[in-house]
Protein backbone atom coordinates (compact mmCIF):
# COMPACT_ATOMS: atom_id res chain seq x y z
CA MET A 1 343.09 207.12 62.91
CA SER A 2 343.78 207.27 66.63
CA GLU A 3 341.72 205.21 69.05
CA ILE A 4 340.02 208.29 70.48
CA ASP A 5 338.87 209.33 67.00
CA ALA A 6 337.61 205.92 66.01
CA SER A 7 333.92 205.15 66.27
CA PRO A 8 333.01 202.69 69.03
CA THR A 9 332.95 199.05 68.04
CA LEU A 10 329.69 197.15 68.09
CA SER A 11 330.40 195.67 71.51
CA ARG A 12 331.38 199.02 73.04
CA ARG A 13 328.22 200.94 72.24
CA CYS A 14 325.13 201.15 74.41
CA ASN A 15 322.96 198.16 73.54
CA TRP A 16 320.18 200.25 71.97
CA ALA A 17 322.66 201.72 69.46
CA ASN A 18 323.26 198.26 67.98
CA SER A 19 319.59 197.61 67.25
CA ALA A 20 319.46 199.53 63.93
CA PRO A 21 322.20 200.61 61.49
CA GLU A 22 321.20 204.29 61.55
CA PHE A 23 321.54 204.47 65.32
CA ALA A 24 325.34 204.07 65.34
CA ASP A 25 326.32 207.50 64.07
CA TYR A 26 323.57 209.20 66.08
CA HIS A 27 324.82 207.46 69.23
CA ASP A 28 328.51 208.14 68.57
CA ARG A 29 328.26 211.79 67.57
CA GLU A 30 325.08 213.24 69.09
CA TRP A 31 323.37 211.35 71.91
CA GLY A 32 324.38 212.73 75.29
CA PHE A 33 326.74 215.46 74.10
CA PRO A 34 325.74 218.82 75.67
CA VAL A 35 323.75 221.18 73.45
CA ALA A 36 323.22 224.92 73.97
CA ASP A 37 321.77 225.80 70.56
CA ASP A 38 318.13 226.84 70.94
CA HIS A 39 317.00 225.49 67.57
CA ARG A 40 318.52 222.07 68.27
CA LEU A 41 316.94 221.99 71.71
CA PHE A 42 313.56 222.92 70.30
CA GLU A 43 313.93 220.38 67.49
CA LYS A 44 314.68 217.57 69.89
CA ILE A 45 311.83 218.24 72.27
CA CYS A 46 309.44 218.42 69.31
CA LEU A 47 310.75 215.20 67.77
CA GLU A 48 310.44 213.44 71.12
CA GLY A 49 306.79 214.54 71.11
CA PHE A 50 306.34 213.09 67.62
CA GLN A 51 307.94 209.86 68.81
CA SER A 52 305.19 209.31 71.39
CA GLY A 53 303.64 205.95 70.51
CA LEU A 54 306.23 205.36 67.77
CA SER A 55 309.89 204.30 67.56
CA TRP A 56 312.87 206.66 67.52
CA ARG A 57 314.03 204.85 64.38
CA THR A 58 310.92 206.09 62.55
CA ILE A 59 311.54 209.67 63.67
CA LEU A 60 315.29 209.62 63.02
CA ASN A 61 314.73 208.38 59.46
CA LYS A 62 312.34 211.27 58.86
CA ARG A 63 314.39 213.91 60.68
CA GLU A 64 315.56 215.76 57.58
CA ASN A 65 311.96 215.87 56.34
CA PHE A 66 310.85 217.30 59.68
CA ARG A 67 313.58 219.94 59.46
CA ARG A 68 312.45 220.94 56.00
CA ALA A 69 308.77 221.02 56.94
CA PHE A 70 309.34 223.01 60.14
CA CYS A 71 311.81 225.65 58.91
CA GLY A 72 314.81 224.03 60.57
CA PHE A 73 312.87 224.21 63.84
CA ASP A 74 313.24 227.97 63.96
CA PHE A 75 310.51 228.51 66.54
CA THR A 76 310.16 232.22 65.71
CA GLN A 77 309.00 231.20 62.22
CA ILE A 78 306.89 228.26 63.39
CA ALA A 79 305.10 230.52 65.87
CA ARG A 80 303.58 232.32 62.88
CA PHE A 81 302.15 229.13 61.33
CA ASP A 82 298.40 229.12 60.82
CA GLU A 83 295.73 226.62 59.77
CA SER A 84 296.99 226.63 56.18
CA ASP A 85 300.36 225.42 57.47
CA VAL A 86 298.65 222.68 59.48
CA ALA A 87 296.88 221.56 56.30
CA ARG A 88 300.17 221.63 54.39
CA LEU A 89 301.90 219.53 57.03
CA LEU A 90 299.05 217.03 57.19
CA ASP A 91 299.58 216.53 53.46
CA ASP A 92 303.34 215.98 53.83
CA SER A 93 304.05 212.26 53.56
CA GLY A 94 307.66 212.81 54.64
CA ILE A 95 306.71 213.47 58.27
CA VAL A 96 304.38 211.94 60.83
CA ARG A 97 300.95 213.32 59.88
CA HIS A 98 299.32 213.60 63.27
CA ARG A 99 297.23 216.73 63.73
CA ARG A 100 297.58 217.03 67.50
CA LYS A 101 301.35 216.60 67.36
CA ILE A 102 301.67 219.12 64.52
CA GLU A 103 299.52 221.61 66.40
CA ALA A 104 301.61 220.96 69.52
CA VAL A 105 304.79 222.01 67.70
CA ILE A 106 303.15 225.28 66.65
CA ASN A 107 301.81 225.84 70.15
CA ASN A 108 305.19 225.04 71.68
CA ALA A 109 306.94 227.41 69.27
CA ARG A 110 304.78 230.23 70.59
CA CYS A 111 305.56 229.16 74.13
CA ALA A 112 309.27 229.05 73.24
CA VAL A 113 309.17 232.64 71.98
CA GLU A 114 307.66 233.69 75.31
CA LEU A 115 310.23 231.68 77.24
CA VAL A 116 313.15 233.26 75.37
CA ALA A 117 311.73 236.71 76.07
CA GLU A 118 311.69 235.82 79.76
CA ARG A 119 314.86 233.77 80.16
CA GLY A 120 317.05 235.01 77.31
CA SER A 121 317.30 231.59 75.65
CA LEU A 122 315.80 228.13 75.76
CA ALA A 123 319.20 226.81 76.77
CA ALA A 124 319.28 229.00 79.87
CA PHE A 125 315.92 227.53 80.90
CA PHE A 126 316.58 223.86 80.08
CA TRP A 127 320.04 223.70 81.64
CA ARG A 128 318.52 224.51 85.03
CA PHE A 129 317.46 220.84 84.96
CA GLU A 130 320.89 219.30 84.49
CA GLU A 131 321.30 215.94 86.22
CA GLN A 132 324.35 215.08 88.28
CA PRO A 133 326.72 212.50 86.70
CA MET A 134 325.30 209.00 86.94
CA ASP A 135 326.97 205.72 87.78
CA GLY A 136 327.40 204.11 84.36
CA GLN A 137 326.24 200.78 85.79
CA GLN A 138 322.88 202.42 86.50
CA ALA A 139 322.54 203.95 83.04
CA GLN A 140 319.33 203.53 81.04
CA ILE A 141 317.41 201.72 83.79
CA ARG A 142 314.87 204.52 84.23
CA SER A 143 312.54 206.37 81.89
CA THR A 144 311.95 209.38 84.13
CA SER A 145 313.75 211.17 86.93
CA PRO A 146 312.72 213.68 89.60
CA LEU A 147 314.17 216.45 87.43
CA SER A 148 312.38 215.27 84.27
CA ILE A 149 309.12 215.24 86.22
CA LYS A 150 309.87 218.76 87.41
CA LEU A 151 310.79 219.91 83.87
CA ALA A 152 307.61 218.44 82.38
CA ALA A 153 305.49 220.11 85.07
CA GLU A 154 307.18 223.46 84.49
CA LEU A 155 306.65 223.24 80.72
CA LYS A 156 303.02 222.21 81.17
CA LYS A 157 302.48 225.17 83.49
CA ARG A 158 303.84 227.39 80.72
CA GLY A 159 301.41 225.94 78.18
CA TRP A 160 303.61 223.41 76.35
CA ALA A 161 301.99 220.26 74.96
CA PHE A 162 303.17 216.66 74.36
CA VAL A 163 305.95 217.02 76.93
CA GLY A 164 305.43 214.50 79.73
CA PRO A 165 308.10 213.25 82.17
CA THR A 166 309.20 210.39 79.88
CA THR A 167 309.52 212.70 76.87
CA ALA A 168 311.38 215.21 79.04
CA TYR A 169 313.82 212.55 80.23
CA ALA A 170 314.50 211.30 76.69
CA PHE A 171 315.18 214.92 75.73
CA MET A 172 317.56 215.32 78.68
CA GLN A 173 319.43 212.13 77.74
CA ALA A 174 319.87 213.20 74.13
CA MET A 175 320.83 216.83 74.77
CA GLY A 176 323.45 216.05 77.40
CA LEU A 177 321.62 217.19 80.52
CA VAL A 178 322.44 213.73 81.84
CA ASN A 179 325.14 211.30 80.77
CA ASP A 180 323.16 208.08 80.43
CA HIS A 181 325.70 206.10 78.41
CA ALA A 182 326.42 202.66 79.81
CA GLU A 183 329.64 202.11 81.74
CA TYR A 184 331.07 199.80 79.08
CA CYS A 185 330.27 202.24 76.24
CA SER A 186 333.35 203.93 74.78
CA THR A 187 331.34 207.12 74.18
CA ALA A 188 330.57 207.53 77.88
CA ASP A 189 333.95 209.08 78.70
CA LYS A 190 333.80 211.38 75.68
CA VAL A 191 330.42 212.65 76.81
CA ALA A 192 331.69 213.06 80.38
CA GLU A 193 334.62 215.13 79.09
CA ALA A 194 332.34 217.25 76.90
CA ARG A 195 329.99 217.88 79.83
CA ALA A 196 332.94 218.79 82.09
CA ARG A 197 334.07 221.42 79.56
CA PHE A 198 330.57 222.68 78.91
CA ILE A 199 329.52 225.95 80.55
CA PRO A 200 325.74 225.95 81.01
CA PRO A 201 324.09 229.14 79.68
CA LYS A 202 322.90 231.59 82.29
């Protein structure tokens, strides 16, 4: 296996990725790489909402259960959920059973349908908030940014719930709207290359 294909060693990952075994693959293959798929974007912003008050480790370990429970985060299907679906989800021990967060996903799915009708795709909307490349030495020292504050305000204006500036910034970090890998992290350059090749949806 060539060096570029090898996974980063323990010492060459962002520090947070070494704090739990399941974080390594997520860090190496997903976190920070640009995403244009609407279902993945919707999934991530919903899971960040579920994480509020909890750890990402808890949510990541339940991610497949969330996908099953929420139709693969197909927001066109979720938008049709009713109170019987809320009851079903509250009875699902595989996910986080929090009524307000569950109802927020359904609400946000309906908002997503409206946004797609207006903008053509969620990706076209979210990628308007792309951050400029950061100095790797400054990575992960902030939990919000001016653009995450702006994104959260725009979503709130459109009726979305459980999407504050911190949640919005975590979403932006994960979906590649900002490269927040540390300078010493061997994935940082791979993400930078992927972002350089990426053509934001219009």
